[in-house]
Amino acid sequence: MLHGCPLLSLTHPNPHPHPHPLVVFFIDFMTRYVLATLYYSTFGSRWSFDLKFMQPISICSWYSVLQYVDMTTEYRGAACDQENNQIVALFLNQNNLEGTLPKEIGLLTSLKNL
């Protein structure tokens, strides 16, 4: 085991209350890479809803909430946990995805729902 390694927090959820800023940057960079791979491998430019993917904003803002005439709502896009700001779910149903999911999706270790 690599004690004191800043990358340790990538495999162990929240081992330190305040992870090193470099680790936070690396996780964000890797997550953006995985989501970009997902976007391009499923022809994201043809998606029914762009969901703010590939925008230079927080990945936790890559979503939209649709409200229908009957006042029901539906969440689409990326969902993050409140504590670590990591992707825990991707709601991409009925969004005209084509192609295949990339193997890189497995790098999102916090992902619980796809």
PDB file of N, CA and C in Angstrom:
ATOM      1  N   MET A   1       0.839  -1.169   0.000  1.00  0.00           N
ATOM      2  CA  MET A   1       0.000   0.000   0.000  1.00  0.00           C
ATOM      3  C   MET A   1       0.891   1.242   0.000  1.00  0.00           C
ATOM      4  N   LEU A   2       0.494   2.262  -0.740  1.00  0.00           N
ATOM      5  CA  LEU A   2       1.287   3.480  -0.861  1.00  0.00           C
ATOM      6  C   LEU A   2       0.815   4.511   0.153  1.00  0.00           C
ATOM      7  N   HIS A   3       1.331   4.467   1.353  1.00  0.00           N
ATOM      8  CA  HIS A   3       0.944   5.429   2.378  1.00  0.00           C
ATOM      9  C   HIS A   3       1.498   6.804   2.026  1.00  0.00           C
ATOM     10  N   GLY A   4       0.657   7.815   2.164  1.00  0.00           N
ATOM     11  CA  GLY A   4       1.083   9.177   1.896  1.00  0.00           C
ATOM     12  C   GLY A   4       1.030   9.560   0.430  1.00  0.00           C
ATOM     13  N   CYS A   5       0.661   8.641  -0.446  1.00  0.00           N
ATOM     14  CA  CYS A   5       0.583   8.944  -1.874  1.00  0.00           C
ATOM     15  C   CYS A   5      -0.683   9.745  -2.147  1.00  0.00           C
ATOM     16  N   PRO A   6      -0.577  10.929  -2.807  1.00  0.00           N
ATOM     17  CA  PRO A   6      -1.776  11.728  -3.052  1.00  0.00           C
ATOM     18  C   PRO A   6      -2.777  11.033  -3.963  1.00  0.00           C
ATOM     19  N   LEU A   7      -2.337  10.083  -4.762  1.00  0.00           N
ATOM     20  CA  LEU A   7      -3.263   9.387  -5.647  1.00  0.00           C
ATOM     21  C   LEU A   7      -4.039   8.303  -4.918  1.00  0.00           C
ATOM     22  N   LEU A   8      -3.691   8.049  -3.668  1.00  0.00           N
ATOM     23  CA  LEU A   8      -4.394   7.050  -2.875  1.00  0.00           C
ATOM     24  C   LEU A   8      -5.873   7.379  -2.778  1.00  0.00           C
ATOM     25  N   SER A   9      -6.200   8.661  -2.742  1.00  0.00           N
ATOM     26  CA  SER A   9      -7.602   9.044  -2.596  1.00  0.00           C
ATOM     27  C   SER A   9      -8.421   8.721  -3.831  1.00  0.00           C
ATOM     28  N   LEU A  10      -7.788   8.370  -4.927  1.00  0.00           N
ATOM     29  CA  LEU A  10      -8.542   7.992  -6.114  1.00  0.00           C
ATOM     30  C   LEU A  10      -9.194   6.632  -5.939  1.00  0.00           C
ATOM     31  N   THR A  11      -8.605   5.781  -5.135  1.00  0.00           N
ATOM     32  CA  THR A  11      -9.140   4.438  -4.964  1.00  0.00           C
ATOM     33  C   THR A  11      -9.862   4.260  -3.633  1.00  0.00           C
ATOM     34  N   HIS A  12      -9.656   5.166  -2.700  1.00  0.00           N
ATOM     35  CA  HIS A  12     -10.319   5.082  -1.406  1.00  0.00           C
ATOM     36  C   HIS A  12     -11.159   6.334  -1.232  1.00  0.00           C
ATOM     37  N   PRO A  13     -12.492   6.179  -1.077  1.00  0.00           N
ATOM     38  CA  PRO A  13     -13.343   7.365  -0.967  1.00  0.00           C
ATOM     39  C   PRO A  13     -12.997   8.222   0.236  1.00  0.00           C
ATOM     40  N   ASN A  14     -12.693   9.460  -0.044  1.00  0.00           N
ATOM     41  CA  ASN A  14     -12.439  10.487   0.967  1.00  0.00           C
ATOM     42  C   ASN A  14     -11.552  10.025   2.124  1.00  0.00           C
ATOM     43  N   PRO A  15     -10.296   9.583   1.852  1.00  0.00           N
ATOM     44  CA  PRO A  15      -9.429   9.147   2.942  1.00  0.00           C
ATOM     45  C   PRO A  15      -8.953  10.312   3.799  1.00  0.00           C
ATOM     46  N   HIS A  16      -8.974  11.508   3.245  1.00  0.00           N
ATOM     47  CA  HIS A  16      -8.564  12.702   3.968  1.00  0.00           C
ATOM     48  C   HIS A  16      -9.695  13.719   3.850  1.00  0.00           C
ATOM     49  N   PRO A  17      -9.993  14.440   4.920  1.00  0.00           N
ATOM     50  CA  PRO A  17     -11.093  15.398   4.836  1.00  0.00           C
ATOM     51  C   PRO A  17     -10.846  16.496   3.801  1.00  0.00           C
ATOM     52  N   HIS A  18      -9.587  16.839   3.554  1.00  0.00           N
ATOM     53  CA  HIS A  18      -9.258  17.883   2.586  1.00  0.00           C
ATOM     54  C   HIS A  18      -8.150  17.368   1.672  1.00  0.00           C
ATOM     55  N   PRO A  19      -8.517  16.741   0.533  1.00  0.00           N
ATOM     56  CA  PRO A  19      -7.489  16.197  -0.351  1.00  0.00           C
ATOM     57  C   PRO A  19      -6.611  17.305  -0.935  1.00  0.00           C
ATOM     58  N   HIS A  20      -5.415  16.943  -1.271  1.00  0.00           N
ATOM     59  CA  HIS A  20      -4.451  17.864  -1.871  1.00  0.00           C
ATOM     60  C   HIS A  20      -5.051  18.458  -3.150  1.00  0.00           C
ATOM     61  N   PRO A  21      -4.860  19.755  -3.412  1.00  0.00           N
ATOM     62  CA  PRO A  21      -5.423  20.390  -4.604  1.00  0.00           C
ATOM     63  C   PRO A  21      -5.004  19.705  -5.915  1.00  0.00           C
ATOM     64  N   LEU A  22      -3.810  19.133  -5.949  1.00  0.00           N
ATOM     65  CA  LEU A  22      -3.368  18.435  -7.155  1.00  0.00           C
ATOM     66  C   LEU A  22      -4.212  17.188  -7.404  1.00  0.00           C
ATOM     67  N   VAL A  23      -4.600  16.508  -6.336  1.00  0.00           N
ATOM     68  CA  VAL A  23      -5.456  15.327  -6.476  1.00  0.00           C
ATOM     69  C   VAL A  23      -6.834  15.748  -6.976  1.00  0.00           C
ATOM     70  N   VAL A  24      -7.371  16.826  -6.431  1.00  0.00           N
ATOM     71  CA  VAL A  24      -8.671  17.336  -6.871  1.00  0.00           C
ATOM     72  C   VAL A  24      -8.604  17.693  -8.356  1.00  0.00           C
ATOM     73  N   PHE A  25      -7.542  18.359  -8.778  1.00  0.00           N
ATOM     74  CA  PHE A  25      -7.360  18.719 -10.182  1.00  0.00           C
ATOM     75  C   PHE A  25      -7.289  17.467 -11.056  1.00  0.00           C
ATOM     76  N   PHE A  26      -6.516  16.464 -10.627  1.00  0.00           N
ATOM     77  CA  PHE A  26      -6.359  15.242 -11.414  1.00  0.00           C
ATOM     78  C   PHE A  26      -7.692  14.513 -11.571  1.00  0.00           C
ATOM     79  N   ILE A  27      -8.460  14.418 -10.499  1.00  0.00           N
ATOM     80  CA  ILE A  27      -9.760  13.739 -10.571  1.00  0.00           C
ATOM     81  C   ILE A  27     -10.685  14.476 -11.528  1.00  0.00           C
ATOM     82  N   ASP A  28     -10.715  15.800 -11.450  1.00  0.00           N
ATOM     83  CA  ASP A  28     -11.545  16.590 -12.367  1.00  0.00           C
ATOM     84  C   ASP A  28     -11.087  16.400 -13.811  1.00  0.00           C
ATOM     85  N   PHE A  29      -9.774  16.437 -14.033  1.00  0.00           N
ATOM     86  CA  PHE A  29      -9.220  16.263 -15.382  1.00  0.00           C
ATOM     87  C   PHE A  29      -9.581  14.887 -15.937  1.00  0.00           C
ATOM     88  N   MET A  30      -9.408  13.835 -15.134  1.00  0.00           N
ATOM     89  CA  MET A  30      -9.715  12.477 -15.575  1.00  0.00           C
ATOM     90  C   MET A  30     -11.206  12.321 -15.854  1.00  0.00           C
ATOM     91  N   THR A  31     -12.047  12.887 -14.994  1.00  0.00           N
ATOM     92  CA  THR A  31     -13.491  12.794 -15.188  1.00  0.00           C
ATOM     93  C   THR A  31     -13.907  13.493 -16.470  1.00  0.00           C
ATOM     94  N   ARG A  32     -13.346  14.673 -16.724  1.00  0.00           N
ATOM     95  CA  ARG A  32     -13.642  15.379 -17.980  1.00  0.00           C
ATOM     96  C   ARG A  32     -13.197  14.564 -19.194  1.00  0.00           C
ATOM     97  N   TYR A  33     -12.046  13.918 -19.080  1.00  0.00           N
ATOM     98  CA  TYR A  33     -11.561  13.058 -20.174  1.00  0.00           C
ATOM     99  C   TYR A  33     -12.536  11.918 -20.437  1.00  0.00           C
ATOM    100  N   VAL A  34     -12.973  11.249 -19.372  1.00  0.00           N
ATOM    101  CA  VAL A  34     -13.903  10.119 -19.534  1.00  0.00           C
ATOM    102  C   VAL A  34     -15.220  10.599 -20.139  1.00  0.00           C
ATOM    103  N   LEU A  35     -15.752  11.705 -19.647  1.00  0.00           N
ATOM    104  CA  LEU A  35     -17.020  12.210 -20.175  1.00  0.00           C
ATOM    105  C   LEU A  35     -16.877  12.702 -21.610  1.00  0.00           C
ATOM    106  N   ALA A  36     -15.714  13.251 -21.959  1.00  0.00           N
ATOM    107  CA  ALA A  36     -15.469  13.647 -23.355  1.00  0.00           C
ATOM    108  C   ALA A  36     -15.417  12.411 -24.252  1.00  0.00           C
ATOM    109  N   THR A  37     -14.781  11.359 -23.761  1.00  0.00           N
ATOM    110  CA  THR A  37     -14.730  10.107 -24.515  1.00  0.00           C
ATOM    111  C   THR A  37     -16.137   9.559 -24.713  1.00  0.00           C
ATOM    112  N   LEU A  38     -16.956   9.607 -23.669  1.00  0.00           N
ATOM    113  CA  LEU A  38     -18.352   9.175 -23.768  1.00  0.00           C
ATOM    114  C   LEU A  38     -19.101  10.029 -24.792  1.00  0.00           C
ATOM    115  N   TYR A  39     -18.933  11.325 -24.708  1.00  0.00           N
ATOM    116  CA  TYR A  39     -19.624  12.260 -25.607  1.00  0.00           C
ATOM    117  C   TYR A  39     -19.290  11.960 -27.068  1.00  0.00           C
ATOM    118  N   TYR A  40     -18.009  11.840 -27.371  1.00  0.00           N
ATOM    119  CA  TYR A  40     -17.611  11.636 -28.766  1.00  0.00           C
ATOM    120  C   TYR A  40     -17.889  10.216 -29.266  1.00  0.00           C
ATOM    121  N   SER A  41     -17.799   9.209 -28.390  1.00  0.00           N
ATOM    122  CA  SER A  41     -18.048   7.836 -28.848  1.00  0.00           C
ATOM    123  C   SER A  41     -19.531   7.554 -29.040  1.00  0.00           C
ATOM    124  N   THR A  42     -20.399   8.408 -28.479  1.00  0.00           N
ATOM    125  CA  THR A  42     -21.841   8.239 -28.657  1.00  0.00           C
ATOM    126  C   THR A  42     -22.442   9.366 -29.501  1.00  0.00           C
ATOM    127  N   PHE A  43     -21.587  10.033 -30.269  1.00  0.00           N
ATOM    128  CA  PHE A  43     -22.013  11.097 -31.190  1.00  0.00           C
ATOM    129  C   PHE A  43     -22.801  12.182 -30.459  1.00  0.00           C
ATOM    130  N   GLY A  44     -22.177  12.744 -29.449  1.00  0.00           N
ATOM    131  CA  GLY A  44     -22.807  13.750 -28.604  1.00  0.00           C
ATOM    132  C   GLY A  44     -23.352  14.946 -29.346  1.00  0.00           C
ATOM    133  N   SER A  45     -22.763  15.285 -30.473  1.00  0.00           N
ATOM    134  CA  SER A  45     -23.284  16.427 -31.236  1.00  0.00           C
ATOM    135  C   SER A  45     -24.677  16.141 -31.796  1.00  0.00           C
ATOM    136  N   ARG A  46     -25.079  14.874 -31.797  1.00  0.00           N
ATOM    137  CA  ARG A  46     -26.415  14.489 -32.287  1.00  0.00           C
ATOM    138  C   ARG A  46     -27.389  14.180 -31.150  1.00  0.00           C
ATOM    139  N   TRP A  47     -26.955  14.341 -29.905  1.00  0.00           N
ATOM    140  CA  TRP A  47     -27.838  14.066 -28.781  1.00  0.00           C
ATOM    141  C   TRP A  47     -29.067  14.963 -28.857  1.00  0.00           C
ATOM    142  N   SER A  48     -30.180  14.470 -28.352  1.00  0.00           N
ATOM    143  CA  SER A  48     -31.409  15.271 -28.300  1.00  0.00           C
ATOM    144  C   SER A  48     -31.235  16.467 -27.361  1.00  0.00           C
ATOM    145  N   PHE A  49     -30.519  16.255 -26.261  1.00  0.00           N
ATOM    146  CA  PHE A  49     -30.252  17.313 -25.279  1.00  0.00           C
ATOM    147  C   PHE A  49     -28.741  17.353 -25.053  1.00  0.00           C
ATOM    148  N   ASP A  50     -28.120  18.522 -25.216  1.00  0.00           N
ATOM    149  CA  ASP A  50     -26.658  18.580 -25.065  1.00  0.00           C
ATOM    150  C   ASP A  50     -26.222  18.514 -23.606  1.00  0.00           C
ATOM    151  N   LEU A  51     -27.114  18.876 -22.682  1.00  0.00           N
ATOM    152  CA  LEU A  51     -26.880  18.741 -21.242  1.00  0.00           C
ATOM    153  C   LEU A  51     -25.637  19.473 -20.762  1.00  0.00           C
ATOM    154  N   LYS A  52     -25.196  20.448 -21.512  1.00  0.00           N
ATOM    155  CA  LYS A  52     -24.024  21.274 -21.185  1.00  0.00           C
ATOM    156  C   LYS A  52     -22.720  20.486 -21.190  1.00  0.00           C
ATOM    157  N   PHE A  53     -22.749  19.260 -21.775  1.00  0.00           N
ATOM    158  CA  PHE A  53     -21.513  18.482 -21.873  1.00  0.00           C
ATOM    159  C   PHE A  53     -20.496  19.263 -22.699  1.00  0.00           C
ATOM    160  N   MET A  54     -19.250  19.164 -22.303  1.00  0.00           N
ATOM    161  CA  MET A  54     -18.122  19.778 -22.969  1.00  0.00           C
ATOM    162  C   MET A  54     -18.039  21.294 -22.746  1.00  0.00           C
ATOM    163  N   GLN A  55     -18.849  21.819 -21.849  1.00  0.00           N
ATOM    164  CA  GLN A  55     -18.782  23.237 -21.530  1.00  0.00           C
ATOM    165  C   GLN A  55     -17.703  23.473 -20.468  1.00  0.00           C
ATOM    166  N   PRO A  56     -17.059  24.635 -20.485  1.00  0.00           N
ATOM    167  CA  PRO A  56     -15.997  24.921 -19.498  1.00  0.00           C
ATOM    168  C   PRO A  56     -16.568  25.359 -18.146  1.00  0.00           C
ATOM    169  N   ILE A  57     -17.454  24.532 -17.615  1.00  0.00           N
ATOM    170  CA  ILE A  57     -18.059  24.771 -16.308  1.00  0.00           C
ATOM    171  C   ILE A  57     -17.876  23.502 -15.480  1.00  0.00           C
ATOM    172  N   SER A  58     -18.245  23.549 -14.235  1.00  0.00           N
ATOM    173  CA  SER A  58     -18.126  22.378 -13.366  1.00  0.00           C
ATOM    174  C   SER A  58     -18.848  21.189 -13.989  1.00  0.00           C
ATOM    175  N   ILE A  59     -18.231  20.013 -13.927  1.00  0.00           N
ATOM    176  CA  ILE A  59     -18.880  18.818 -14.467  1.00  0.00           C
ATOM    177  C   ILE A  59     -20.179  18.526 -13.735  1.00  0.00           C
ATOM    178  N   CYS A  60     -20.315  19.018 -12.518  1.00  0.00           N
ATOM    179  CA  CYS A  60     -21.550  18.825 -11.763  1.00  0.00           C
ATOM    180  C   CYS A  60     -22.674  19.723 -12.283  1.00  0.00           C
ATOM    181  N   SER A  61     -22.367  20.580 -13.240  1.00  0.00           N
ATOM    182  CA  SER A  61     -23.379  21.431 -13.882  1.00  0.00           C
ATOM    183  C   SER A  61     -23.752  20.911 -15.262  1.00  0.00           C
ATOM    184  N   TRP A  62     -23.253  19.755 -15.633  1.00  0.00           N
ATOM    185  CA  TRP A  62     -23.558  19.179 -16.939  1.00  0.00           C
ATOM    186  C   TRP A  62     -24.854  18.388 -16.851  1.00  0.00           C
ATOM    187  N   TYR A  63     -25.964  19.084 -16.701  1.00  0.00           N
ATOM    188  CA  TYR A  63     -27.273  18.450 -16.593  1.00  0.00           C
ATOM    189  C   TYR A  63     -28.353  19.451 -16.952  1.00  0.00           C
ATOM    190  N   SER A  64     -29.568  18.979 -17.057  1.00  0.00           N
ATOM    191  CA  SER A  64     -30.736  19.844 -17.151  1.00  0.00           C
ATOM    192  C   SER A  64     -31.909  19.144 -16.496  1.00  0.00           C
ATOM    193  N   VAL A  65     -32.864  19.928 -16.060  1.00  0.00           N
ATOM    194  CA  VAL A  65     -34.093  19.397 -15.482  1.00  0.00           C
ATOM    195  C   VAL A  65     -35.208  19.803 -16.434  1.00  0.00           C
ATOM    196  N   LEU A  66     -35.884  18.814 -16.988  1.00  0.00           N
ATOM    197  CA  LEU A  66     -36.968  19.062 -17.927  1.00  0.00           C
ATOM    198  C   LEU A  66     -38.285  19.113 -17.161  1.00  0.00           C
ATOM    199  N   GLN A  67     -39.105  20.097 -17.479  1.00  0.00           N
ATOM    200  CA  GLN A  67     -40.421  20.165 -16.848  1.00  0.00           C
ATOM    201  C   GLN A  67     -41.467  20.034 -17.942  1.00  0.00           C
ATOM    202  N   TYR A  68     -42.396  19.121 -17.725  1.00  0.00           N
ATOM    203  CA  TYR A  68     -43.424  18.818 -18.716  1.00  0.00           C
ATOM    204  C   TYR A  68     -44.711  19.560 -18.398  1.00  0.00           C
ATOM    205  N   VAL A  69     -45.630  19.550 -19.362  1.00  0.00           N
ATOM    206  CA  VAL A  69     -46.909  20.240 -19.227  1.00  0.00           C
ATOM    207  C   VAL A  69     -47.675  19.773 -17.992  1.00  0.00           C
ATOM    208  N   ASP A  70     -47.581  18.477 -17.692  1.00  0.00           N
ATOM    209  CA  ASP A  70     -48.296  17.954 -16.518  1.00  0.00           C
ATOM    210  C   ASP A  70     -47.564  18.248 -15.204  1.00  0.00           C
ATOM    211  N   MET A  71     -46.533  19.095 -15.265  1.00  0.00           N
ATOM    212  CA  MET A  71     -45.743  19.552 -14.125  1.00  0.00           C
ATOM    213  C   MET A  71     -44.810  18.497 -13.553  1.00  0.00           C
ATOM    214  N   THR A  72     -44.660  17.365 -14.210  1.00  0.00           N
ATOM    215  CA  THR A  72     -43.653  16.402 -13.783  1.00  0.00           C
ATOM    216  C   THR A  72     -42.293  16.883 -14.269  1.00  0.00           C
ATOM    217  N   THR A  73     -41.253  16.455 -13.599  1.00  0.00           N
ATOM    218  CA  THR A  73     -39.910  16.844 -13.990  1.00  0.00           C
ATOM    219  C   THR A  73     -39.060  15.605 -14.212  1.00  0.00           C
ATOM    220  N   GLU A  74     -38.034  15.788 -14.992  1.00  0.00           N
ATOM    221  CA  GLU A  74     -37.098  14.696 -15.268  1.00  0.00           C
ATOM    222  C   GLU A  74     -35.680  15.262 -15.273  1.00  0.00           C
ATOM    223  N   TYR A  75     -34.804  14.595 -14.551  1.00  0.00           N
ATOM    224  CA  TYR A  75     -33.402  15.003 -14.451  1.00  0.00           C
ATOM    225  C   TYR A  75     -32.623  14.278 -15.544  1.00  0.00           C
ATOM    226  N   ARG A  76     -31.776  15.010 -16.276  1.00  0.00           N
ATOM    227  CA  ARG A  76     -30.932  14.398 -17.295  1.00  0.00           C
ATOM    228  C   ARG A  76     -29.519  14.950 -17.173  1.00  0.00           C
ATOM    229  N   GLY A  77     -28.549  14.065 -17.429  1.00  0.00           N
ATOM    230  CA  GLY A  77     -27.154  14.482 -17.424  1.00  0.00           C
ATOM    231  C   GLY A  77     -26.382  13.869 -16.275  1.00  0.00           C
ATOM    232  N   ALA A  78     -25.385  14.600 -15.803  1.00  0.00           N
ATOM    233  CA  ALA A  78     -24.498  14.123 -14.751  1.00  0.00           C
ATOM    234  C   ALA A  78     -25.048  14.498 -13.384  1.00  0.00           C
ATOM    235  N   ALA A  79     -24.949  13.561 -12.448  1.00  0.00           N
ATOM    236  CA  ALA A  79     -25.329  13.824 -11.060  1.00  0.00           C
ATOM    237  C   ALA A  79     -24.102  13.579 -10.188  1.00  0.00           C
ATOM    238  N   CYS A  80     -23.816  14.523  -9.318  1.00  0.00           N
ATOM    239  CA  CYS A  80     -22.641  14.434  -8.440  1.00  0.00           C
ATOM    240  C   CYS A  80     -23.057  14.230  -6.995  1.00  0.00           C
ATOM    241  N   ASP A  81     -22.152  13.639  -6.226  1.00  0.00           N
ATOM    242  CA  ASP A  81     -22.393  13.589  -4.789  1.00  0.00           C
ATOM    243  C   ASP A  81     -22.064  14.971  -4.222  1.00  0.00           C
ATOM    244  N   GLN A  82     -22.703  15.309  -3.130  1.00  0.00           N
ATOM    245  CA  GLN A  82     -22.536  16.641  -2.547  1.00  0.00           C
ATOM    246  C   GLN A  82     -21.208  16.814  -1.826  1.00  0.00           C
ATOM    247  N   GLU A  83     -20.652  15.717  -1.325  1.00  0.00           N
ATOM    248  CA  GLU A  83     -19.448  15.800  -0.505  1.00  0.00           C
ATOM    249  C   GLU A  83     -18.173  15.931  -1.333  1.00  0.00           C
ATOM    250  N   ASN A  84     -18.041  15.091  -2.369  1.00  0.00           N
ATOM    251  CA  ASN A  84     -16.787  15.041  -3.120  1.00  0.00           C
ATOM    252  C   ASN A  84     -16.864  15.605  -4.531  1.00  0.00           C
ATOM    253  N   ASN A  85     -18.054  16.015  -4.968  1.00  0.00           N
ATOM    254  CA  ASN A  85     -18.253  16.520  -6.335  1.00  0.00           C
ATOM    255  C   ASN A  85     -17.750  15.539  -7.384  1.00  0.00           C
ATOM    256  N   GLN A  86     -18.035  14.260  -7.175  1.00  0.00           N
ATOM    257  CA  GLN A  86     -17.696  13.239  -8.157  1.00  0.00           C
ATOM    258  C   GLN A  86     -18.975  12.689  -8.761  1.00  0.00           C
ATOM    259  N   ILE A  87     -18.895  12.261 -10.023  1.00  0.00           N
ATOM    260  CA  ILE A  87     -20.054  11.736 -10.738  1.00  0.00           C
ATOM    261  C   ILE A  87     -20.508  10.429 -10.090  1.00  0.00           C
ATOM    262  N   VAL A  88     -21.778  10.383  -9.680  1.00  0.00           N
ATOM    263  CA  VAL A  88     -22.342   9.160  -9.119  1.00  0.00           C
ATOM    264  C   VAL A  88     -23.393   8.551 -10.039  1.00  0.00           C
ATOM    265  N   ALA A  89     -23.900   9.347 -10.983  1.00  0.00           N
ATOM    266  CA  ALA A  89     -24.913   8.832 -11.911  1.00  0.00           C
ATOM    267  C   ALA A  89     -24.886   9.634 -13.198  1.00  0.00           C
ATOM    268  N   LEU A  90     -25.219   8.957 -14.279  1.00  0.00           N
ATOM    269  CA  LEU A  90     -25.410   9.601 -15.583  1.00  0.00           C
ATOM    270  C   LEU A  90     -26.794   9.216 -16.082  1.00  0.00           C
ATOM    271  N   PHE A  91     -27.631  10.210 -16.284  1.00  0.00           N
ATOM    272  CA  PHE A  91     -28.981   9.986 -16.786  1.00  0.00           C
ATOM    273  C   PHE A  91     -29.019  10.440 -18.248  1.00  0.00           C
ATOM    274  N   LEU A  92     -28.836   9.499 -19.143  1.00  0.00           N
ATOM    275  CA  LEU A  92     -28.738   9.814 -20.567  1.00  0.00           C
ATOM    276  C   LEU A  92     -29.810   9.099 -21.392  1.00  0.00           C
ATOM    277  N   ASN A  93     -30.830   8.570 -20.706  1.00  0.00           N
ATOM    278  CA  ASN A  93     -31.885   7.842 -21.402  1.00  0.00           C
ATOM    279  C   ASN A  93     -32.647   8.765 -22.364  1.00  0.00           C
ATOM    280  N   GLN A  94     -33.144   8.197 -23.420  1.00  0.00           N
ATOM    281  CA  GLN A  94     -33.923   8.902 -24.443  1.00  0.00           C
ATOM    282  C   GLN A  94     -33.213  10.167 -24.922  1.00  0.00           C
ATOM    283  N   ASN A  95     -31.920  10.039 -25.164  1.00  0.00           N
ATOM    284  CA  ASN A  95     -31.137  11.191 -25.597  1.00  0.00           C
ATOM    285  C   ASN A  95     -30.473  10.956 -26.946  1.00  0.00           C
ATOM    286  N   ASN A  96     -30.920   9.944 -27.658  1.00  0.00           N
ATOM    287  CA  ASN A  96     -30.432   9.677 -29.014  1.00  0.00           C
ATOM    288  C   ASN A  96     -28.953   9.309 -29.057  1.00  0.00           C
ATOM    289  N   LEU A  97     -28.483   8.566 -28.053  1.00  0.00           N
ATOM    290  CA  LEU A  97     -27.093   8.119 -28.077  1.00  0.00           C
ATOM    291  C   LEU A  97     -26.923   7.054 -29.156  1.00  0.00           C
ATOM    292  N   GLU A  98     -25.818   7.116 -29.843  1.00  0.00           N
ATOM    293  CA  GLU A  98     -25.455   6.122 -30.852  1.00  0.00           C
ATOM    294  C   GLU A  98     -24.063   5.621 -30.514  1.00  0.00           C
ATOM    295  N   GLY A  99     -23.618   4.573 -31.179  1.00  0.00           N
ATOM    296  CA  GLY A  99     -22.276   4.067 -30.939  1.00  0.00           C
ATOM    297  C   GLY A  99     -22.220   3.190 -29.714  1.00  0.00           C
ATOM    298  N   THR A 100     -21.036   3.112 -29.126  1.00  0.00           N
ATOM    299  CA  THR A 100     -20.837   2.256 -27.959  1.00  0.00           C
ATOM    300  C   THR A 100     -20.273   3.061 -26.800  1.00  0.00           C
ATOM    301  N   LEU A 101     -20.545   2.562 -25.601  1.00  0.00           N
ATOM    302  CA  LEU A 101     -19.970   3.202 -24.425  1.00  0.00           C
ATOM    303  C   LEU A 101     -18.477   2.894 -24.390  1.00  0.00           C
ATOM    304  N   PRO A 102     -17.662   3.879 -24.112  1.00  0.00           N
ATOM    305  CA  PRO A 102     -16.218   3.634 -24.084  1.00  0.00           C
ATOM    306  C   PRO A 102     -15.806   2.867 -22.831  1.00  0.00           C
ATOM    307  N   LYS A 103     -14.736   2.111 -22.950  1.00  0.00           N
ATOM    308  CA  LYS A 103     -14.239   1.356 -21.788  1.00  0.00           C
ATOM    309  C   LYS A 103     -13.767   2.291 -20.686  1.00  0.00           C
ATOM    310  N   GLU A 104     -13.401   3.509 -21.030  1.00  0.00           N
ATOM    311  CA  GLU A 104     -12.937   4.486 -20.040  1.00  0.00           C
ATOM    312  C   GLU A 104     -13.990   4.797 -18.984  1.00  0.00           C
ATOM    313  N   ILE A 105     -15.245   4.508 -19.267  1.00  0.00           N
ATOM    314  CA  ILE A 105     -16.311   4.774 -18.303  1.00  0.00           C
ATOM    315  C   ILE A 105     -16.029   4.056 -16.978  1.00  0.00           C
ATOM    316  N   GLY A 106     -15.285   2.951 -17.054  1.00  0.00           N
ATOM    317  CA  GLY A 106     -14.908   2.212 -15.855  1.00  0.00           C
ATOM    318  C   GLY A 106     -13.981   2.984 -14.933  1.00  0.00           C
ATOM    319  N   LEU A 107     -13.382   4.064 -15.419  1.00  0.00           N
ATOM    320  CA  LEU A 107     -12.516   4.895 -14.579  1.00  0.00           C
ATOM    321  C   LEU A 107     -13.300   5.759 -13.595  1.00  0.00           C
ATOM    322  N   LEU A 108     -14.603   5.884 -13.838  1.00  0.00           N
ATOM    323  CA  LEU A 108     -15.440   6.661 -12.923  1.00  0.00           C
ATOM    324  C   LEU A 108     -15.852   5.756 -11.760  1.00  0.00           C
ATOM    325  N   THR A 109     -14.969   5.625 -10.801  1.00  0.00           N
ATOM    326  CA  THR A 109     -15.174   4.665  -9.721  1.00  0.00           C
ATOM    327  C   THR A 109     -16.319   5.041  -8.788  1.00  0.00           C
ATOM    328  N   SER A 110     -16.764   6.285  -8.808  1.00  0.00           N
ATOM    329  CA  SER A 110     -17.891   6.694  -7.983  1.00  0.00           C
ATOM    330  C   SER A 110     -19.228   6.474  -8.682  1.00  0.00           C
ATOM    331  N   LEU A 111     -19.195   6.142  -9.966  1.00  0.00           N
ATOM    332  CA  LEU A 111     -20.421   5.968 -10.752  1.00  0.00           C
ATOM    333  C   LEU A 111     -21.211   4.766 -10.250  1.00  0.00           C
ATOM    334  N   LYS A 112     -22.452   5.007  -9.864  1.00  0.00           N
ATOM    335  CA  LYS A 112     -23.323   3.947  -9.343  1.00  0.00           C
ATOM    336  C   LYS A 112     -24.494   3.662 -10.274  1.00  0.00           C
ATOM    337  N   ASN A 113     -24.848   4.615 -11.130  1.00  0.00           N
ATOM    338  CA  ASN A 113     -26.027   4.484 -11.987  1.00  0.00           C
ATOM    339  C   ASN A 113     -25.711   5.035 -13.370  1.00  0.00           C
ATOM    340  N   LEU A 114     -26.007   4.230 -14.378  1.00  0.00           N
ATOM    341  CA  LEU A 114     -25.770   4.660 -15.757  1.00  0.00           C
ATOM    342  C   LEU A 114     -27.011   4.403 -16.560  1.00  0.00           C
TER     343      LEU A 114
END
